[in-house]
PDB file of N, CA and C in Angstrom:
ATOM      1  N   UNK A   1     111.382 127.581  91.865  1.00  0.00           N
ATOM      2  CA  UNK A   1     110.708 126.279  91.749  1.00  0.00           C
ATOM      3  C   UNK A   1     111.473 125.235  92.404  1.00  0.00           C
ATOM      4  N   UNK A   2     112.862 125.320  92.185  1.00  0.00           N
ATOM      5  CA  UNK A   2     113.625 124.212  92.658  1.00  0.00           C
ATOM      6  C   UNK A   2     113.590 124.022  94.110  1.00  0.00           C
ATOM      7  N   UNK A   3     113.509 125.057  94.875  1.00  0.00           N
ATOM      8  CA  UNK A   3     113.503 125.043  96.341  1.00  0.00           C
ATOM      9  C   UNK A   3     112.200 124.436  96.850  1.00  0.00           C
ATOM     10  N   UNK A   4     111.105 124.454  96.039  1.00  0.00           N
ATOM     11  CA  UNK A   4     109.845 123.811  96.464  1.00  0.00           C
ATOM     12  C   UNK A   4     110.002 122.295  96.330  1.00  0.00           C
ATOM     13  N   UNK A   5     110.709 121.826  95.388  1.00  0.00           N
ATOM     14  CA  UNK A   5     110.984 120.377  95.164  1.00  0.00           C
ATOM     15  C   UNK A   5     111.834 119.909  96.324  1.00  0.00           C
ATOM     16  N   UNK A   6     112.871 120.579  96.517  1.00  0.00           N
ATOM     17  CA  UNK A   6     113.885 120.294  97.607  1.00  0.00           C
ATOM     18  C   UNK A   6     112.988 120.241  99.113  1.00  0.00           C
ATOM     19  N   UNK A   7     112.218 121.195  99.267  1.00  0.00           N
ATOM     20  CA  UNK A   7     111.511 121.300 100.509  1.00  0.00           C
ATOM     21  C   UNK A   7     110.456 119.997 100.619  1.00  0.00           C
ATOM     22  N   UNK A   8     109.836 119.786  99.561  1.00  0.00           N
ATOM     23  CA  UNK A   8     108.865 118.707  99.583  1.00  0.00           C
ATOM     24  C   UNK A   8     109.696 117.374  99.788  1.00  0.00           C
ATOM     25  N   UNK A   9     110.722 117.189  99.068  1.00  0.00           N
ATOM     26  CA  UNK A   9     111.417 115.986  99.276  1.00  0.00           C
ATOM     27  C   UNK A   9     111.997 115.872 100.613  1.00  0.00           C
ATOM     28  N   UNK A  10     112.423 116.872 101.306  1.00  0.00           N
ATOM     29  CA  UNK A  10     112.934 116.799 102.536  1.00  0.00           C
ATOM     30  C   UNK A  10     111.863 116.424 103.564  1.00  0.00           C
ATOM     31  N   UNK A  11     110.759 117.026 103.397  1.00  0.00           N
ATOM     32  CA  UNK A  11     109.487 116.707 104.229  1.00  0.00           C
ATOM     33  C   UNK A  11     109.044 115.187 103.984  1.00  0.00           C
ATOM     34  N   UNK A  12     109.109 114.638 102.894  1.00  0.00           N
ATOM     35  CA  UNK A  12     108.858 113.286 102.718  1.00  0.00           C
ATOM     36  C   UNK A  12     109.764 112.403 103.461  1.00  0.00           C
ATOM     37  N   UNK A  13     111.172 112.657 103.260  1.00  0.00           N
ATOM     38  CA  UNK A  13     112.238 111.918 103.846  1.00  0.00           C
ATOM     39  C   UNK A  13     112.054 111.951 105.398  1.00  0.00           C
ATOM     40  N   UNK A  14     111.902 113.064 105.965  1.00  0.00           N
ATOM     41  CA  UNK A  14     111.666 113.188 107.381  1.00  0.00           C
ATOM     42  C   UNK A  14     110.458 112.513 107.974  1.00  0.00           C
ATOM     43  N   UNK A  15     109.248 112.425 107.129  1.00  0.00           N
ATOM     44  CA  UNK A  15     108.165 111.797 107.519  1.00  0.00           C
ATOM     45  C   UNK A  15     108.510 110.238 107.471  1.00  0.00           C
ATOM     46  N   UNK A  16     109.196 109.672 106.448  1.00  0.00           N
ATOM     47  CA  UNK A  16     109.547 108.277 106.315  1.00  0.00           C
ATOM     48  C   UNK A  16     110.409 108.045 107.568  1.00  0.00           C
ATOM     49  N   UNK A  17     111.453 108.739 107.837  1.00  0.00           N
ATOM     50  CA  UNK A  17     112.258 108.436 108.947  1.00  0.00           C
ATOM     51  C   UNK A  17     111.535 108.461 110.305  1.00  0.00           C
ATOM     52  N   UNK A  18     110.580 109.277 110.449  1.00  0.00           N
ATOM     53  CA  UNK A  18     109.754 109.342 111.680  1.00  0.00           C
ATOM     54  C   UNK A  18     108.931 108.127 111.803  1.00  0.00           C
ATOM     55  N   UNK A  19     108.449 107.613 110.555  1.00  0.00           N
ATOM     56  CA  UNK A  19     107.741 106.331 110.688  1.00  0.00           C
ATOM     57  C   UNK A  19     108.573 105.155 111.125  1.00  0.00           C
ATOM     58  N   UNK A  20     109.709 105.173 110.615  1.00  0.00           N
ATOM     59  CA  UNK A  20     110.733 104.119 110.885  1.00  0.00           C
ATOM     60  C   UNK A  20     111.163 104.156 112.394  1.00  0.00           C
ATOM     61  N   UNK A  21     111.359 105.308 112.976  1.00  0.00           N
ATOM     62  CA  UNK A  21     111.656 105.489 114.315  1.00  0.00           C
ATOM     63  C   UNK A  21     110.592 105.058 115.273  1.00  0.00           C
ATOM     64  N   UNK A  22     109.263 105.508 114.855  1.00  0.00           N
ATOM     65  CA  UNK A  22     108.139 105.031 115.623  1.00  0.00           C
ATOM     66  C   UNK A  22     108.049 103.595 115.550  1.00  0.00           C
ATOM     67  N   UNK A  23     108.276 102.896 114.460  1.00  0.00           N
ATOM     68  CA  UNK A  23     108.104 101.478 114.479  1.00  0.00           C
ATOM     69  C   UNK A  23     109.280 100.760 115.188  1.00  0.00           C
ATOM     70  N   UNK A  24     110.330 101.308 115.286  1.00  0.00           N
ATOM     71  CA  UNK A  24     111.481 100.780 116.129  1.00  0.00           C
ATOM     72  C   UNK A  24     111.385 100.878 117.601  1.00  0.00           C
ATOM     73  N   UNK A  25     110.914 102.082 118.044  1.00  0.00           N
ATOM     74  CA  UNK A  25     110.765 102.453 119.356  1.00  0.00           C
ATOM     75  C   UNK A  25     109.556 101.864 119.869  1.00  0.00           C
ATOM     76  N   UNK A  26     108.376 102.055 119.323  1.00  0.00           N
ATOM     77  CA  UNK A  26     107.121 101.769 119.980  1.00  0.00           C
ATOM     78  C   UNK A  26     106.328 100.590 119.230  1.00  0.00           C
ATOM     79  N   UNK A  27     106.908 100.001 118.283  1.00  0.00           N
ATOM     80  CA  UNK A  27     106.127  98.955 117.515  1.00  0.00           C
ATOM     81  C   UNK A  27     104.887  99.483 116.858  1.00  0.00           C
ATOM     82  N   UNK A  28     104.972 100.699 116.473  1.00  0.00           N
ATOM     83  CA  UNK A  28     103.715 101.407 115.946  1.00  0.00           C
ATOM     84  C   UNK A  28     103.923 101.520 114.378  1.00  0.00           C
ATOM     85  N   UNK A  29     102.989 100.918 113.758  1.00  0.00           N
ATOM     86  CA  UNK A  29     102.882 100.775 112.228  1.00  0.00           C
ATOM     87  C   UNK A  29     101.798 101.745 111.678  1.00  0.00           C
ATOM     88  N   UNK A  30     101.984 102.496 110.625  1.00  0.00           N
ATOM     89  CA  UNK A  30     100.833 103.407 110.129  1.00  0.00           C
ATOM     90  C   UNK A  30      99.694 102.414 109.836  1.00  0.00           C
ATOM     91  N   UNK A  31      98.469 102.928 109.882  1.00  0.00           N
ATOM     92  CA  UNK A  31      97.265 102.147 109.643  1.00  0.00           C
ATOM     93  C   UNK A  31      97.171 101.482 108.392  1.00  0.00           C
ATOM     94  N   UNK A  32      97.724 102.079 107.295  1.00  0.00           N
ATOM     95  CA  UNK A  32      97.548 101.398 106.017  1.00  0.00           C
ATOM     96  C   UNK A  32      98.434 100.298 105.769  1.00  0.00           C
ATOM     97  N   UNK A  33      99.372 100.028 106.787  1.00  0.00           N
ATOM     98  CA  UNK A  33     100.262  98.839 106.648  1.00  0.00           C
ATOM     99  C   UNK A  33     100.155  97.925 107.802  1.00  0.00           C
ATOM    100  N   UNK A  34      99.268  97.992 108.621  1.00  0.00           N
ATOM    101  CA  UNK A  34      99.098  97.168 109.857  1.00  0.00           C
ATOM    102  C   UNK A  34      98.609  95.793 109.498  1.00  0.00           C
ATOM    103  N   UNK A  35      97.855  95.684 108.351  1.00  0.00           N
ATOM    104  CA  UNK A  35      97.313  94.237 108.182  1.00  0.00           C
ATOM    105  C   UNK A  35      98.492  93.367 107.770  1.00  0.00           C
ATOM    106  N   UNK A  36      99.393  93.928 107.056  1.00  0.00           N
ATOM    107  CA  UNK A  36     100.475  93.084 106.501  1.00  0.00           C
ATOM    108  C   UNK A  36     101.756  92.828 107.245  1.00  0.00           C
ATOM    109  N   UNK A  37     102.051  93.883 108.147  1.00  0.00           N
ATOM    110  CA  UNK A  37     103.339  93.813 108.779  1.00  0.00           C
ATOM    111  C   UNK A  37     103.123  92.988 110.074  1.00  0.00           C
ATOM    112  N   UNK A  38     104.167  91.916 110.124  1.00  0.00           N
ATOM    113  CA  UNK A  38     104.206  91.018 111.235  1.00  0.00           C
ATOM    114  C   UNK A  38     105.410  91.308 112.135  1.00  0.00           C
ATOM    115  N   UNK A  39     106.413  91.995 111.704  1.00  0.00           N
ATOM    116  CA  UNK A  39     107.635  92.275 112.365  1.00  0.00           C
ATOM    117  C   UNK A  39     107.901  93.890 112.241  1.00  0.00           C
ATOM    118  N   UNK A  40     107.234  94.490 113.272  1.00  0.00           N
ATOM    119  CA  UNK A  40     107.259  96.068 113.173  1.00  0.00           C
ATOM    120  C   UNK A  40     108.638  96.579 113.351  1.00  0.00           C
ATOM    121  N   UNK A  41     109.588  95.973 114.267  1.00  0.00           N
ATOM    122  CA  UNK A  41     110.973  96.513 114.179  1.00  0.00           C
ATOM    123  C   UNK A  41     111.691  96.454 113.011  1.00  0.00           C
ATOM    124  N   UNK A  42     111.653  95.270 112.371  1.00  0.00           N
ATOM    125  CA  UNK A  42     112.355  95.158 111.065  1.00  0.00           C
ATOM    126  C   UNK A  42     111.813  96.009 110.109  1.00  0.00           C
ATOM    127  N   UNK A  43     110.480  96.258 110.050  1.00  0.00           N
ATOM    128  CA  UNK A  43     109.812  97.209 109.135  1.00  0.00           C
ATOM    129  C   UNK A  43     110.368  98.598 109.238  1.00  0.00           C
ATOM    130  N   UNK A  44     110.454  98.943 110.619  1.00  0.00           N
ATOM    131  CA  UNK A  44     111.033 100.249 110.952  1.00  0.00           C
ATOM    132  C   UNK A  44     112.509 100.478 110.634  1.00  0.00           C
ATOM    133  N   UNK A  45     113.306  99.429 110.723  1.00  0.00           N
ATOM    134  CA  UNK A  45     114.699  99.612 110.243  1.00  0.00           C
ATOM    135  C   UNK A  45     114.675  99.743 108.805  1.00  0.00           C
ATOM    136  N   UNK A  46     113.829  99.084 108.111  1.00  0.00           N
ATOM    137  CA  UNK A  46     113.785  99.200 106.609  1.00  0.00           C
ATOM    138  C   UNK A  46     113.326 100.655 106.148  1.00  0.00           C
ATOM    139  N   UNK A  47     112.378 101.083 106.943  1.00  0.00           N
ATOM    140  CA  UNK A  47     111.893 102.491 106.515  1.00  0.00           C
ATOM    141  C   UNK A  47     112.984 103.510 106.894  1.00  0.00           C
ATOM    142  N   UNK A  48     113.664 103.293 107.996  1.00  0.00           N
ATOM    143  CA  UNK A  48     114.759 104.344 108.200  1.00  0.00           C
ATOM    144  C   UNK A  48     115.901 104.176 107.325  1.00  0.00           C
ATOM    145  N   UNK A  49     116.402 102.960 106.989  1.00  0.00           N
ATOM    146  CA  UNK A  49     117.400 102.859 106.089  1.00  0.00           C
ATOM    147  C   UNK A  49     116.997 103.383 104.629  1.00  0.00           C
ATOM    148  N   UNK A  50     115.643 103.153 104.234  1.00  0.00           N
ATOM    149  CA  UNK A  50     115.125 103.767 103.001  1.00  0.00           C
ATOM    150  C   UNK A  50     115.139 105.367 103.052  1.00  0.00           C
ATOM    151  N   UNK A  51     115.006 105.911 104.216  1.00  0.00           N
ATOM    152  CA  UNK A  51     114.956 107.258 104.232  1.00  0.00           C
ATOM    153  C   UNK A  51     116.434 107.891 104.099  1.00  0.00           C
ATOM    154  N   UNK A  52     117.352 107.258 104.586  1.00  0.00           N
ATOM    155  CA  UNK A  52     118.724 107.555 104.533  1.00  0.00           C
ATOM    156  C   UNK A  52     119.206 107.366 103.098  1.00  0.00           C
ATOM    157  N   UNK A  53     118.864 106.130 102.454  1.00  0.00           N
ATOM    158  CA  UNK A  53     119.234 106.144 101.085  1.00  0.00           C
ATOM    159  C   UNK A  53     118.676 106.944 100.094  1.00  0.00           C
ATOM    160  N   UNK A  54     117.371 107.250 100.348  1.00  0.00           N
ATOM    161  CA  UNK A  54     116.627 108.174  99.429  1.00  0.00           C
ATOM    162  C   UNK A  54     117.183 109.589  99.568  1.00  0.00           C
ATOM    163  N   UNK A  55     117.530 109.981 100.862  1.00  0.00           N
ATOM    164  CA  UNK A  55     118.145 111.340 100.952  1.00  0.00           C
ATOM    165  C   UNK A  55     119.485 111.406 100.308  1.00  0.00           C
ATOM    166  N   UNK A  56     120.285 110.229 100.463  1.00  0.00           N
ATOM    167  CA  UNK A  56     121.604 110.210  99.818  1.00  0.00           C
ATOM    168  C   UNK A  56     121.469 110.499  98.307  1.00  0.00           C
ATOM    169  N   UNK A  57     120.550 109.585  97.787  1.00  0.00           N
ATOM    170  CA  UNK A  57     120.423 109.666  96.350  1.00  0.00           C
ATOM    171  C   UNK A  57     119.895 111.110  95.890  1.00  0.00           C
ATOM    172  N   UNK A  58     118.861 111.597  96.541  1.00  0.00           N
ATOM    173  CA  UNK A  58     118.292 112.878  96.018  1.00  0.00           C
ATOM    174  C   UNK A  58     119.377 114.142  96.211  1.00  0.00           C
ATOM    175  N   UNK A  59     119.824 114.200  97.494  1.00  0.00           N
ATOM    176  CA  UNK A  59     120.616 115.393  97.839  1.00  0.00           C
ATOM    177  C   UNK A  59     122.027 115.368  97.378  1.00  0.00           C
ATOM    178  N   UNK A  60     122.457 114.230  97.055  1.00  0.00           N
ATOM    179  CA  UNK A  60     123.891 114.179  96.408  1.00  0.00           C
ATOM    180  C   UNK A  60     123.877 113.829  94.868  1.00  0.00           C
ATOM    181  N   UNK A  61     122.641 113.553  94.332  1.00  0.00           N
ATOM    182  CA  UNK A  61     122.411 113.292  92.952  1.00  0.00           C
ATOM    183  C   UNK A  61     121.810 114.382  92.223  1.00  0.00           C
ATOM    184  N   UNK A  62     120.477 114.233  91.911  1.00  0.00           N
ATOM    185  CA  UNK A  62     119.815 115.140  90.936  1.00  0.00           C
ATOM    186  C   UNK A  62     119.642 116.669  91.693  1.00  0.00           C
ATOM    187  N   UNK A  63     119.494 116.798  92.969  1.00  0.00           N
ATOM    188  CA  UNK A  63     119.311 118.080  93.513  1.00  0.00           C
ATOM    189  C   UNK A  63     120.628 118.715  93.671  1.00  0.00           C
ATOM    190  N   UNK A  64     121.749 118.032  93.620  1.00  0.00           N
ATOM    191  CA  UNK A  64     123.100 118.642  93.803  1.00  0.00           C
ATOM    192  C   UNK A  64     123.511 119.419  92.576  1.00  0.00           C
ATOM    193  N   UNK A  65     123.218 118.805  91.430  1.00  0.00           N
ATOM    194  CA  UNK A  65     123.667 119.438  90.224  1.00  0.00           C
ATOM    195  C   UNK A  65     124.540 118.411  89.373  1.00  0.00           C
ATOM    196  N   UNK A  66     125.296 119.088  88.380  1.00  0.00           N
ATOM    197  CA  UNK A  66     126.028 118.093  87.566  1.00  0.00           C
ATOM    198  C   UNK A  66     127.400 117.691  88.017  1.00  0.00           C
ATOM    199  N   UNK A  67     127.598 117.907  89.264  1.00  0.00           N
ATOM    200  CA  UNK A  67     128.864 117.622  89.915  1.00  0.00           C
ATOM    201  C   UNK A  67     128.992 115.965  89.985  1.00  0.00           C
ATOM    202  N   UNK A  68     129.998 115.520  89.193  1.00  0.00           N
ATOM    203  CA  UNK A  68     130.099 113.979  89.078  1.00  0.00           C
ATOM    204  C   UNK A  68     130.924 113.377  90.273  1.00  0.00           C
ATOM    205  N   UNK A  69     131.418 114.286  91.090  1.00  0.00           N
ATOM    206  CA  UNK A  69     132.136 113.634  92.360  1.00  0.00           C
ATOM    207  C   UNK A  69     131.210 112.936  93.263  1.00  0.00           C
ATOM    208  N   UNK A  70     130.023 113.378  93.245  1.00  0.00           N
ATOM    209  CA  UNK A  70     129.081 112.618  94.288  1.00  0.00           C
ATOM    210  C   UNK A  70     128.331 111.501  93.707  1.00  0.00           C
ATOM    211  N   UNK A  71     128.554 111.196  92.357  1.00  0.00           N
ATOM    212  CA  UNK A  71     127.847 110.175  91.819  1.00  0.00           C
ATOM    213  C   UNK A  71     127.842 108.761  92.415  1.00  0.00           C
ATOM    214  N   UNK A  72     129.070 108.327  92.941  1.00  0.00           N
ATOM    215  CA  UNK A  72     129.134 107.045  93.615  1.00  0.00           C
ATOM    216  C   UNK A  72     128.218 107.070  94.877  1.00  0.00           C
ATOM    217  N   UNK A  73     128.187 108.139  95.680  1.00  0.00           N
ATOM    218  CA  UNK A  73     127.426 108.162  96.938  1.00  0.00           C
ATOM    219  C   UNK A  73     125.980 108.169  96.498  1.00  0.00           C
ATOM    220  N   UNK A  74     125.606 108.927  95.478  1.00  0.00           N
ATOM    221  CA  UNK A  74     124.142 109.004  95.020  1.00  0.00           C
ATOM    222  C   UNK A  74     123.677 107.440  94.642  1.00  0.00           C
ATOM    223  N   UNK A  75     124.580 106.854  93.836  1.00  0.00           N
ATOM    224  CA  UNK A  75     124.072 105.552  93.438  1.00  0.00           C
ATOM    225  C   UNK A  75     124.155 104.562  94.650  1.00  0.00           C
ATOM    226  N   UNK A  76     125.062 104.703  95.615  1.00  0.00           N
ATOM    227  CA  UNK A  76     125.101 103.884  96.794  1.00  0.00           C
ATOM    228  C   UNK A  76     123.771 104.168  97.572  1.00  0.00           C
ATOM    229  N   UNK A  77     123.244 105.418  97.522  1.00  0.00           N
ATOM    230  CA  UNK A  77     121.959 105.752  98.321  1.00  0.00           C
ATOM    231  C   UNK A  77     120.833 104.973  97.559  1.00  0.00           C
ATOM    232  N   UNK A  78     120.873 104.965  96.270  1.00  0.00           N
ATOM    233  CA  UNK A  78     119.820 104.198  95.461  1.00  0.00           C
ATOM    234  C   UNK A  78     119.840 102.707  95.909  1.00  0.00           C
ATOM    235  N   UNK A  79     121.092 102.178  95.955  1.00  0.00           N
ATOM    236  CA  UNK A  79     121.212 100.835  96.288  1.00  0.00           C
ATOM    237  C   UNK A  79     120.683 100.510  97.789  1.00  0.00           C
ATOM    238  N   UNK A  80     121.036 101.476  98.588  1.00  0.00           N
ATOM    239  CA  UNK A  80     120.521 101.285 100.043  1.00  0.00           C
ATOM    240  C   UNK A  80     119.017 101.341 100.137  1.00  0.00           C
ATOM    241  N   UNK A  81     118.405 102.250  99.211  1.00  0.00           N
ATOM    242  CA  UNK A  81     117.007 102.393  99.197  1.00  0.00           C
ATOM    243  C   UNK A  81     116.390 101.041  98.729  1.00  0.00           C
ATOM    244  N   UNK A  82     116.778 100.588  97.766  1.00  0.00           N
ATOM    245  CA  UNK A  82     116.260  99.296  97.093  1.00  0.00           C
ATOM    246  C   UNK A  82     116.454  98.031  98.070  1.00  0.00           C
ATOM    247  N   UNK A  83     117.637  98.043  98.835  1.00  0.00           N
ATOM    248  CA  UNK A  83     117.874  96.946  99.909  1.00  0.00           C
ATOM    249  C   UNK A  83     116.892  97.263 101.035  1.00  0.00           C
ATOM    250  N   UNK A  84     116.563  98.551 101.394  1.00  0.00           N
ATOM    251  CA  UNK A  84     115.558  98.769 102.575  1.00  0.00           C
ATOM    252  C   UNK A  84     114.234  98.314 102.045  1.00  0.00           C
ATOM    253  N   UNK A  85     113.886  98.395 100.812  1.00  0.00           N
ATOM    254  CA  UNK A  85     112.498  97.910 100.338  1.00  0.00           C
ATOM    255  C   UNK A  85     112.465  96.413 100.492  1.00  0.00           C
ATOM    256  N   UNK A  86     113.507  95.700 100.293  1.00  0.00           N
ATOM    257  CA  UNK A  86     113.604  94.302 100.402  1.00  0.00           C
ATOM    258  C   UNK A  86     113.456  93.852 101.908  1.00  0.00           C
ATOM    259  N   UNK A  87     114.084  94.659 102.786  1.00  0.00           N
ATOM    260  CA  UNK A  87     113.943  94.414 104.183  1.00  0.00           C
ATOM    261  C   UNK A  87     112.411  94.623 104.606  1.00  0.00           C
ATOM    262  N   UNK A  88     111.740  95.744 104.101  1.00  0.00           N
ATOM    263  CA  UNK A  88     110.385  95.937 104.434  1.00  0.00           C
ATOM    264  C   UNK A  88     109.491  94.888 103.971  1.00  0.00           C
ATOM    265  N   UNK A  89     109.885  94.251 102.814  1.00  0.00           N
ATOM    266  CA  UNK A  89     109.007  93.143 102.293  1.00  0.00           C
ATOM    267  C   UNK A  89     109.189  92.000 103.169  1.00  0.00           C
ATOM    268  N   UNK A  90     110.355  91.744 103.768  1.00  0.00           N
ATOM    269  CA  UNK A  90     110.675  90.531 104.532  1.00  0.00           C
ATOM    270  C   UNK A  90     109.837  90.658 105.874  1.00  0.00           C
ATOM    271  N   UNK A  91     109.552  91.962 106.246  1.00  0.00           N
ATOM    272  CA  UNK A  91     108.912  92.152 107.544  1.00  0.00           C
ATOM    273  C   UNK A  91     107.374  91.904 107.323  1.00  0.00           C
ATOM    274  N   UNK A  92     106.845  91.659 106.101  1.00  0.00           N
ATOM    275  CA  UNK A  92     105.453  91.527 105.971  1.00  0.00           C
ATOM    276  C   UNK A  92     104.939  89.970 105.815  1.00  0.00           C
ATOM    277  N   UNK A  93     103.813  89.825 105.839  1.00  0.00           N
ATOM    278  CA  UNK A  93     103.211  88.497 105.648  1.00  0.00           C
ATOM    279  C   UNK A  93     103.688  88.008 104.237  1.00  0.00           C
ATOM    280  N   UNK A  94     103.897  86.714 104.127  1.00  0.00           N
ATOM    281  CA  UNK A  94     104.240  86.148 102.786  1.00  0.00           C
ATOM    282  C   UNK A  94     102.884  86.147 102.058  1.00  0.00           C
ATOM    283  N   UNK A  95     103.011  86.125 100.776  1.00  0.00           N
ATOM    284  CA  UNK A  95     101.867  86.145  99.797  1.00  0.00           C
ATOM    285  C   UNK A  95     101.187  84.785  99.989  1.00  0.00           C
ATOM    286  N   UNK A  96      99.983  84.805  99.601  1.00  0.00           N
ATOM    287  CA  UNK A  96      99.268  83.482  99.621  1.00  0.00           C
ATOM    288  C   UNK A  96      98.951  83.105  98.120  1.00  0.00           C
ATOM    289  N   UNK A  97      99.106  81.738  97.854  1.00  0.00           N
ATOM    290  CA  UNK A  97      98.686  81.220  96.512  1.00  0.00           C
ATOM    291  C   UNK A  97      97.194  81.088  96.477  1.00  0.00           C
ATOM    292  N   UNK A  98      96.757  81.308  95.284  1.00  0.00           N
ATOM    293  CA  UNK A  98      95.279  81.129  95.174  1.00  0.00           C
ATOM    294  C   UNK A  98      95.094  79.770  95.113  1.00  0.00           C
ATOM    295  N   UNK A  99      94.003  79.264  95.887  1.00  0.00           N
ATOM    296  CA  UNK A  99      93.656  77.797  95.979  1.00  0.00           C
ATOM    297  C   UNK A  99      92.547  77.514  94.887  1.00  0.00           C
ATOM    298  N   UNK A 100      92.927  76.603  94.165  1.00  0.00           N
ATOM    299  CA  UNK A 100      92.064  76.141  93.059  1.00  0.00           C
ATOM    300  C   UNK A 100      90.943  75.160  93.590  1.00  0.00           C
ATOM    301  N   UNK A 101      89.699  75.375  93.297  1.00  0.00           N
ATOM    302  CA  UNK A 101      88.647  74.393  93.827  1.00  0.00           C
ATOM    303  C   UNK A 101      88.901  73.095  93.214  1.00  0.00           C
ATOM    304  N   UNK A 102      88.478  72.042  93.815  1.00  0.00           N
ATOM    305  CA  UNK A 102      88.613  70.732  93.327  1.00  0.00           C
ATOM    306  C   UNK A 102      87.754  70.500  92.156  1.00  0.00           C
ATOM    307  N   UNK A 103      88.256  69.681  91.100  1.00  0.00           N
ATOM    308  CA  UNK A 103      87.682  69.398  89.933  1.00  0.00           C
ATOM    309  C   UNK A 103      86.630  68.282  90.190  1.00  0.00           C
ATOM    310  N   UNK A 104      85.323  68.555  90.129  1.00  0.00           N
ATOM    311  CA  UNK A 104      84.340  67.598  90.432  1.00  0.00           C
ATOM    312  C   UNK A 104      83.595  67.225  88.983  1.00  0.00           C
ATOM    313  N   UNK A 105      83.977  67.785  87.977  1.00  0.00           N
ATOM    314  CA  UNK A 105      83.424  67.511  86.673  1.00  0.00           C
ATOM    315  C   UNK A 105      84.082  66.226  86.051  1.00  0.00           C
ATOM    316  N   UNK A 106      85.329  66.084  86.208  1.00  0.00           N
ATOM    317  CA  UNK A 106      85.992  64.995  85.546  1.00  0.00           C
ATOM    318  C   UNK A 106      85.842  63.538  86.219  1.00  0.00           C
ATOM    319  N   UNK A 107      85.309  63.633  87.295  1.00  0.00           N
ATOM    320  CA  UNK A 107      85.157  62.208  88.122  1.00  0.00           C
ATOM    321  C   UNK A 107      83.885  61.591  87.910  1.00  0.00           C
TER     322      UNK A 107
END
């Protein structure tokens, strides 16, 4: 059963890296993210860095076993993944504040 998890995780990481490379090379963004992304290259670099960080964390951390020698690398991969999510958020539209209607009752 362990190898099913490893295979599925590797497939997801490769797909994320592929989306990042497509965004960097061709400015292509997946359809579910097109509305919000305004800087495709920056989004792609974030996705690629996220794939590297995620794979460092998974394959040197929980999937490696109880070997504590790789713990700093695994935690560094988690930090890289979190930083890549920040980069991807910067590549998107800023959020909008809800506009309150004018108060016509008090006048």
